Amino acid sequence: MRNNQKKFNEVYQDLLRRIVMFGVLSMLLIASARITGWIIMEYAGFASAVYTIVLIGMLIYVFIIKTKDAKK
């Protein structure tokens, strides 16, 4: 059980890193698109924002599994 908690913590931290990375990337791309007027950068920023939302969903799923495993 302790090994499972360690794996869940690693996955949880990896997802947090990715969320921060893609969240910042999407903000930078959208802001750059507004300044330069390049539409392709805006679409890339929106795609990155959607991926960030998917990662947040995965983070919630891992958190639920982690808490259920800790109760056992």
PDB file of N, CA and C in Angstrom:
ATOM      1  N   MET A   1       0.819  -1.187   0.000  1.00  0.00           N
ATOM      2  CA  MET A   1       0.000   0.000   0.000  1.00  0.00           C
ATOM      3  C   MET A   1       0.866   1.255   0.000  1.00  0.00           C
ATOM      4  N   ARG A   2       1.981   1.214   0.700  1.00  0.00           N
ATOM      5  CA  ARG A   2       2.872   2.377   0.746  1.00  0.00           C
ATOM      6  C   ARG A   2       3.464   2.651  -0.633  1.00  0.00           C
ATOM      7  N   ASN A   3       3.758   1.577  -1.372  1.00  0.00           N
ATOM      8  CA  ASN A   3       4.302   1.727  -2.720  1.00  0.00           C
ATOM      9  C   ASN A   3       3.275   2.378  -3.647  1.00  0.00           C
ATOM     10  N   ASN A   4       1.997   2.008  -3.476  1.00  0.00           N
ATOM     11  CA  ASN A   4       0.937   2.621  -4.283  1.00  0.00           C
ATOM     12  C   ASN A   4       0.828   4.110  -4.004  1.00  0.00           C
ATOM     13  N   GLN A   5       0.920   4.501  -2.729  1.00  0.00           N
ATOM     14  CA  GLN A   5       0.837   5.919  -2.373  1.00  0.00           C
ATOM     15  C   GLN A   5       1.987   6.695  -3.001  1.00  0.00           C
ATOM     16  N   LYS A   6       3.164   6.089  -3.027  1.00  0.00           N
ATOM     17  CA  LYS A   6       4.324   6.755  -3.629  1.00  0.00           C
ATOM     18  C   LYS A   6       4.103   6.960  -5.130  1.00  0.00           C
ATOM     19  N   LYS A   7       3.560   5.944  -5.798  1.00  0.00           N
ATOM     20  CA  LYS A   7       3.280   6.063  -7.232  1.00  0.00           C
ATOM     21  C   LYS A   7       2.205   7.116  -7.499  1.00  0.00           C
ATOM     22  N   PHE A   8       1.163   7.124  -6.668  1.00  0.00           N
ATOM     23  CA  PHE A   8       0.114   8.132  -6.833  1.00  0.00           C
ATOM     24  C   PHE A   8       0.668   9.535  -6.633  1.00  0.00           C
ATOM     25  N   ASN A   9       1.553   9.709  -5.657  1.00  0.00           N
ATOM     26  CA  ASN A   9       2.151  11.021  -5.424  1.00  0.00           C
ATOM     27  C   ASN A   9       2.991  11.463  -6.617  1.00  0.00           C
ATOM     28  N   GLU A  10       3.736  10.534  -7.217  1.00  0.00           N
ATOM     29  CA  GLU A  10       4.547  10.871  -8.391  1.00  0.00           C
ATOM     30  C   GLU A  10       3.662  11.279  -9.569  1.00  0.00           C
ATOM     31  N   VAL A  11       2.597  10.531  -9.803  1.00  0.00           N
ATOM     32  CA  VAL A  11       1.676  10.855 -10.898  1.00  0.00           C
ATOM     33  C   VAL A  11       1.001  12.197 -10.633  1.00  0.00           C
ATOM     34  N   TYR A  12       0.600  12.425  -9.383  1.00  0.00           N
ATOM     35  CA  TYR A  12      -0.067  13.671  -9.001  1.00  0.00           C
ATOM     36  C   TYR A  12       0.856  14.867  -9.231  1.00  0.00           C
ATOM     37  N   GLN A  13       2.116  14.748  -8.815  1.00  0.00           N
ATOM     38  CA  GLN A  13       3.072  15.840  -8.999  1.00  0.00           C
ATOM     39  C   GLN A  13       3.377  16.070 -10.478  1.00  0.00           C
ATOM     40  N   ASP A  14       3.466  14.995 -11.251  1.00  0.00           N
ATOM     41  CA  ASP A  14       3.705  15.136 -12.689  1.00  0.00           C
ATOM     42  C   ASP A  14       2.543  15.868 -13.366  1.00  0.00           C
ATOM     43  N   LEU A  15       1.323  15.521 -12.981  1.00  0.00           N
ATOM     44  CA  LEU A  15       0.161  16.207 -13.550  1.00  0.00           C
ATOM     45  C   LEU A  15       0.142  17.682 -13.154  1.00  0.00           C
ATOM     46  N   LEU A  16       0.508  17.984 -11.909  1.00  0.00           N
ATOM     47  CA  LEU A  16       0.560  19.387 -11.485  1.00  0.00           C
ATOM     48  C   LEU A  16       1.577  20.171 -12.303  1.00  0.00           C
ATOM     49  N   ARG A  17       2.743  19.573 -12.548  1.00  0.00           N
ATOM     50  CA  ARG A  17       3.762  20.240 -13.364  1.00  0.00           C
ATOM     51  C   ARG A  17       3.249  20.509 -14.772  1.00  0.00           C
ATOM     52  N   ARG A  18       2.595  19.520 -15.351  1.00  0.00           N
ATOM     53  CA  ARG A  18       2.062  19.693 -16.708  1.00  0.00           C
ATOM     54  C   ARG A  18       0.971  20.758 -16.756  1.00  0.00           C
ATOM     55  N   ILE A  19       0.119  20.793 -15.737  1.00  0.00           N
ATOM     56  CA  ILE A  19      -0.943  21.798 -15.701  1.00  0.00           C
ATOM     57  C   ILE A  19      -0.352  23.194 -15.662  1.00  0.00           C
ATOM     58  N   VAL A  20       0.652  23.388 -14.814  1.00  0.00           N
ATOM     59  CA  VAL A  20       1.288  24.705 -14.730  1.00  0.00           C
ATOM     60  C   VAL A  20       1.958  25.053 -16.056  1.00  0.00           C
ATOM     61  N   MET A  21       2.677  24.098 -16.634  1.00  0.00           N
ATOM     62  CA  MET A  21       3.397  24.352 -17.876  1.00  0.00           C
ATOM     63  C   MET A  21       2.435  24.723 -19.013  1.00  0.00           C
ATOM     64  N   PHE A  22       1.395  23.920 -19.212  1.00  0.00           N
ATOM     65  CA  PHE A  22       0.476  24.195 -20.314  1.00  0.00           C
ATOM     66  C   PHE A  22      -0.431  25.384 -20.021  1.00  0.00           C
ATOM     67  N   GLY A  23      -0.721  25.645 -18.756  1.00  0.00           N
ATOM     68  CA  GLY A  23      -1.493  26.835 -18.412  1.00  0.00           C
ATOM     69  C   GLY A  23      -0.744  28.105 -18.756  1.00  0.00           C
ATOM     70  N   VAL A  24       0.541  28.146 -18.393  1.00  0.00           N
ATOM     71  CA  VAL A  24       1.367  29.311 -18.721  1.00  0.00           C
ATOM     72  C   VAL A  24       1.552  29.422 -20.231  1.00  0.00           C
ATOM     73  N   LEU A  25       1.763  28.286 -20.889  1.00  0.00           N
ATOM     74  CA  LEU A  25       1.932  28.292 -22.341  1.00  0.00           C
ATOM     75  C   LEU A  25       0.694  28.846 -23.039  1.00  0.00           C
ATOM     76  N   SER A  26      -0.480  28.422 -22.599  1.00  0.00           N
ATOM     77  CA  SER A  26      -1.701  28.913 -23.248  1.00  0.00           C
ATOM     78  C   SER A  26      -1.877  30.408 -23.032  1.00  0.00           C
ATOM     79  N   MET A  27      -1.566  30.893 -21.826  1.00  0.00           N
ATOM     80  CA  MET A  27      -1.680  32.338 -21.582  1.00  0.00           C
ATOM     81  C   MET A  27      -0.707  33.120 -22.454  1.00  0.00           C
ATOM     82  N   LEU A  28       0.523  32.626 -22.573  1.00  0.00           N
ATOM     83  CA  LEU A  28       1.512  33.319 -23.396  1.00  0.00           C
ATOM     84  C   LEU A  28       1.130  33.309 -24.873  1.00  0.00           C
ATOM     85  N   LEU A  29       0.642  32.185 -25.355  1.00  0.00           N
ATOM     86  CA  LEU A  29       0.250  32.107 -26.761  1.00  0.00           C
ATOM     87  C   LEU A  29      -0.929  33.023 -27.073  1.00  0.00           C
ATOM     88  N   ILE A  30      -1.915  33.035 -26.194  1.00  0.00           N
ATOM     89  CA  ILE A  30      -3.079  33.890 -26.444  1.00  0.00           C
ATOM     90  C   ILE A  30      -2.693  35.363 -26.354  1.00  0.00           C
ATOM     91  N   ALA A  31      -1.849  35.713 -25.375  1.00  0.00           N
ATOM     92  CA  ALA A  31      -1.412  37.109 -25.257  1.00  0.00           C
ATOM     93  C   ALA A  31      -0.567  37.521 -26.458  1.00  0.00           C
ATOM     94  N   SER A  32       0.313  36.636 -26.911  1.00  0.00           N
ATOM     95  CA  SER A  32       1.136  36.944 -28.083  1.00  0.00           C
ATOM     96  C   SER A  32       0.283  37.079 -29.335  1.00  0.00           C
ATOM     97  N   ALA A  33      -0.746  36.268 -29.436  1.00  0.00           N
ATOM     98  CA  ALA A  33      -1.637  36.357 -30.595  1.00  0.00           C
ATOM     99  C   ALA A  33      -2.381  37.682 -30.607  1.00  0.00           C
ATOM    100  N   ARG A  34      -2.754  38.157 -29.440  1.00  0.00           N
ATOM    101  CA  ARG A  34      -3.448  39.452 -29.366  1.00  0.00           C
ATOM    102  C   ARG A  34      -2.518  40.591 -29.782  1.00  0.00           C
ATOM    103  N   ILE A  35      -1.244  40.491 -29.395  1.00  0.00           N
ATOM    104  CA  ILE A  35      -0.285  41.556 -29.711  1.00  0.00           C
ATOM    105  C   ILE A  35       0.096  41.531 -31.187  1.00  0.00           C
ATOM    106  N   THR A  36       0.427  40.338 -31.700  1.00  0.00           N
ATOM    107  CA  THR A  36       0.916  40.238 -33.074  1.00  0.00           C
ATOM    108  C   THR A  36      -0.199  40.121 -34.104  1.00  0.00           C
ATOM    109  N   GLY A  37      -1.366  39.653 -33.684  1.00  0.00           N
ATOM    110  CA  GLY A  37      -2.467  39.479 -34.624  1.00  0.00           C
ATOM    111  C   GLY A  37      -2.418  38.158 -35.369  1.00  0.00           C
ATOM    112  N   TRP A  38      -1.564  37.239 -34.944  1.00  0.00           N
ATOM    113  CA  TRP A  38      -1.472  35.939 -35.604  1.00  0.00           C
ATOM    114  C   TRP A  38      -2.561  35.020 -35.068  1.00  0.00           C
ATOM    115  N   ILE A  39      -3.429  34.599 -35.950  1.00  0.00           N
ATOM    116  CA  ILE A  39      -4.556  33.750 -35.563  1.00  0.00           C
ATOM    117  C   ILE A  39      -4.083  32.354 -35.153  1.00  0.00           C
ATOM    118  N   ILE A  40      -3.063  31.828 -35.813  1.00  0.00           N
ATOM    119  CA  ILE A  40      -2.602  30.466 -35.523  1.00  0.00           C
ATOM    120  C   ILE A  40      -2.113  30.339 -34.085  1.00  0.00           C
ATOM    121  N   MET A  41      -1.510  31.404 -33.557  1.00  0.00           N
ATOM    122  CA  MET A  41      -1.054  31.365 -32.164  1.00  0.00           C
ATOM    123  C   MET A  41      -2.245  31.344 -31.210  1.00  0.00           C
ATOM    124  N   GLU A  42      -3.316  32.010 -31.596  1.00  0.00           N
ATOM    125  CA  GLU A  42      -4.512  32.010 -30.753  1.00  0.00           C
ATOM    126  C   GLU A  42      -5.137  30.613 -30.715  1.00  0.00           C
ATOM    127  N   TYR A  43      -5.195  29.947 -31.864  1.00  0.00           N
ATOM    128  CA  TYR A  43      -5.722  28.583 -31.885  1.00  0.00           C
ATOM    129  C   TYR A  43      -4.841  27.632 -31.080  1.00  0.00           C
ATOM    130  N   ALA A  44      -3.529  27.803 -31.175  1.00  0.00           N
ATOM    131  CA  ALA A  44      -2.621  26.972 -30.380  1.00  0.00           C
ATOM    132  C   ALA A  44      -2.819  27.236 -28.890  1.00  0.00           C
ATOM    133  N   GLY A  45      -3.059  28.478 -28.533  1.00  0.00           N
ATOM    134  CA  GLY A  45      -3.324  28.813 -27.131  1.00  0.00           C
ATOM    135  C   GLY A  45      -4.610  28.186 -26.631  1.00  0.00           C
ATOM    136  N   PHE A  46      -5.644  28.209 -27.462  1.00  0.00           N
ATOM    137  CA  PHE A  46      -6.905  27.579 -27.072  1.00  0.00           C
ATOM    138  C   PHE A  46      -6.753  26.059 -26.966  1.00  0.00           C
ATOM    139  N   ALA A  47      -5.981  25.459 -27.863  1.00  0.00           N
ATOM    140  CA  ALA A  47      -5.735  24.015 -27.784  1.00  0.00           C
ATOM    141  C   ALA A  47      -4.987  23.676 -26.499  1.00  0.00           C
ATOM    142  N   SER A  48      -4.034  24.503 -26.146  1.00  0.00           N
ATOM    143  CA  SER A  48      -3.296  24.294 -24.906  1.00  0.00           C
ATOM    144  C   SER A  48      -4.205  24.462 -23.692  1.00  0.00           C
ATOM    145  N   ALA A  49      -5.130  25.402 -23.757  1.00  0.00           N
ATOM    146  CA  ALA A  49      -6.081  25.595 -22.658  1.00  0.00           C
ATOM    147  C   ALA A  49      -7.008  24.388 -22.516  1.00  0.00           C
ATOM    148  N   VAL A  50      -7.441  23.831 -23.636  1.00  0.00           N
ATOM    149  CA  VAL A  50      -8.291  22.636 -23.593  1.00  0.00           C
ATOM    150  C   VAL A  50      -7.520  21.462 -23.003  1.00  0.00           C
ATOM    151  N   TYR A  51      -6.260  21.308 -23.399  1.00  0.00           N
ATOM    152  CA  TYR A  51      -5.430  20.235 -22.848  1.00  0.00           C
ATOM    153  C   TYR A  51      -5.232  20.433 -21.346  1.00  0.00           C
ATOM    154  N   THR A  52      -5.108  21.671 -20.898  1.00  0.00           N
ATOM    155  CA  THR A  52      -4.980  21.952 -19.471  1.00  0.00           C
ATOM    156  C   THR A  52      -6.240  21.522 -18.727  1.00  0.00           C
ATOM    157  N   ILE A  53      -7.397  21.749 -19.322  1.00  0.00           N
ATOM    158  CA  ILE A  53      -8.654  21.328 -18.697  1.00  0.00           C
ATOM    159  C   ILE A  53      -8.728  19.808 -18.613  1.00  0.00           C
ATOM    160  N   VAL A  54      -8.275  19.118 -19.644  1.00  0.00           N
ATOM    161  CA  VAL A  54      -8.235  17.652 -19.621  1.00  0.00           C
ATOM    162  C   VAL A  54      -7.301  17.172 -18.515  1.00  0.00           C
ATOM    163  N   LEU A  55      -6.153  17.820 -18.365  1.00  0.00           N
ATOM    164  CA  LEU A  55      -5.216  17.447 -17.307  1.00  0.00           C
ATOM    165  C   LEU A  55      -5.809  17.678 -15.922  1.00  0.00           C
ATOM    166  N   ILE A  56      -6.582  18.734 -15.760  1.00  0.00           N
ATOM    167  CA  ILE A  56      -7.237  18.983 -14.471  1.00  0.00           C
ATOM    168  C   ILE A  56      -8.235  17.868 -14.168  1.00  0.00           C
ATOM    169  N   GLY A  57      -8.962  17.410 -15.179  1.00  0.00           N
ATOM    170  CA  GLY A  57      -9.864  16.274 -15.000  1.00  0.00           C
ATOM    171  C   GLY A  57      -9.117  15.017 -14.589  1.00  0.00           C
ATOM    172  N   MET A  58      -7.977  14.774 -15.211  1.00  0.00           N
ATOM    173  CA  MET A  58      -7.157  13.618 -14.843  1.00  0.00           C
ATOM    174  C   MET A  58      -6.637  13.758 -13.419  1.00  0.00           C
ATOM    175  N   LEU A  59      -6.282  14.975 -13.024  1.00  0.00           N
ATOM    176  CA  LEU A  59      -5.786  15.227 -11.673  1.00  0.00           C
ATOM    177  C   LEU A  59      -6.863  14.921 -10.635  1.00  0.00           C
ATOM    178  N   ILE A  60      -8.087  15.322 -10.911  1.00  0.00           N
ATOM    179  CA  ILE A  60      -9.195  15.030  -9.996  1.00  0.00           C
ATOM    180  C   ILE A  60      -9.427  13.528  -9.905  1.00  0.00           C
ATOM    181  N   TYR A  61      -9.350  12.838 -11.039  1.00  0.00           N
ATOM    182  CA  TYR A  61      -9.523  11.382 -11.061  1.00  0.00           C
ATOM    183  C   TYR A  61      -8.449  10.687 -10.228  1.00  0.00           C
ATOM    184  N   VAL A  62      -7.199  11.102 -10.390  1.00  0.00           N
ATOM    185  CA  VAL A  62      -6.104  10.506  -9.618  1.00  0.00           C
ATOM    186  C   VAL A  62      -6.284  10.810  -8.135  1.00  0.00           C
ATOM    187  N   PHE A  63      -6.742  12.016  -7.809  1.00  0.00           N
ATOM    188  CA  PHE A  63      -6.961  12.380  -6.411  1.00  0.00           C
ATOM    189  C   PHE A  63      -8.030  11.498  -5.779  1.00  0.00           C
ATOM    190  N   ILE A  64      -9.103  11.219  -6.516  1.00  0.00           N
ATOM    191  CA  ILE A  64     -10.167  10.355  -5.992  1.00  0.00           C
ATOM    192  C   ILE A  64      -9.636   8.948  -5.759  1.00  0.00           C
ATOM    193  N   ILE A  65      -8.893   8.414  -6.713  1.00  0.00           N
ATOM    194  CA  ILE A  65      -8.324   7.072  -6.558  1.00  0.00           C
ATOM    195  C   ILE A  65      -7.342   7.046  -5.391  1.00  0.00           C
ATOM    196  N   LYS A  66      -6.554   8.096  -5.263  1.00  0.00           N
ATOM    197  CA  LYS A  66      -5.557   8.179  -4.189  1.00  0.00           C
ATOM    198  C   LYS A  66      -6.225   8.177  -2.816  1.00  0.00           C
ATOM    199  N   THR A  67      -7.312   8.919  -2.662  1.00  0.00           N
ATOM    200  CA  THR A  67      -7.987   8.957  -1.363  1.00  0.00           C
ATOM    201  C   THR A  67      -8.692   7.638  -1.058  1.00  0.00           C
ATOM    202  N   LYS A  68      -9.250   6.988  -2.081  1.00  0.00           N
ATOM    203  CA  LYS A  68      -9.884   5.688  -1.852  1.00  0.00           C
ATOM    204  C   LYS A  68      -8.854   4.636  -1.474  1.00  0.00           C
ATOM    205  N   ASP A  69      -7.674   4.699  -2.082  1.00  0.00           N
ATOM    206  CA  ASP A  69      -6.620   3.740  -1.767  1.00  0.00           C
ATOM    207  C   ASP A  69      -6.070   3.975  -0.360  1.00  0.00           C
ATOM    208  N   ALA A  70      -6.042   5.213   0.079  1.00  0.00           N
ATOM    209  CA  ALA A  70      -5.520   5.532   1.412  1.00  0.00           C
ATOM    210  C   ALA A  70      -6.458   5.036   2.507  1.00  0.00           C
ATOM    211  N   LYS A  71      -7.756   4.952   2.212  1.00  0.00           N
ATOM    212  CA  LYS A  71      -8.725   4.495   3.213  1.00  0.00           C
ATOM    213  C   LYS A  71      -8.649   2.998   3.451  1.00  0.00           C
ATOM    214  N   LYS A  72      -8.139   2.251   2.482  1.00  0.00           N
ATOM    215  CA  LYS A  72      -8.086   0.781   2.606  1.00  0.00           C
ATOM    216  C   LYS A  72      -7.018   0.334   3.548  1.00  0.00           C
TER     217      LYS A  72
END
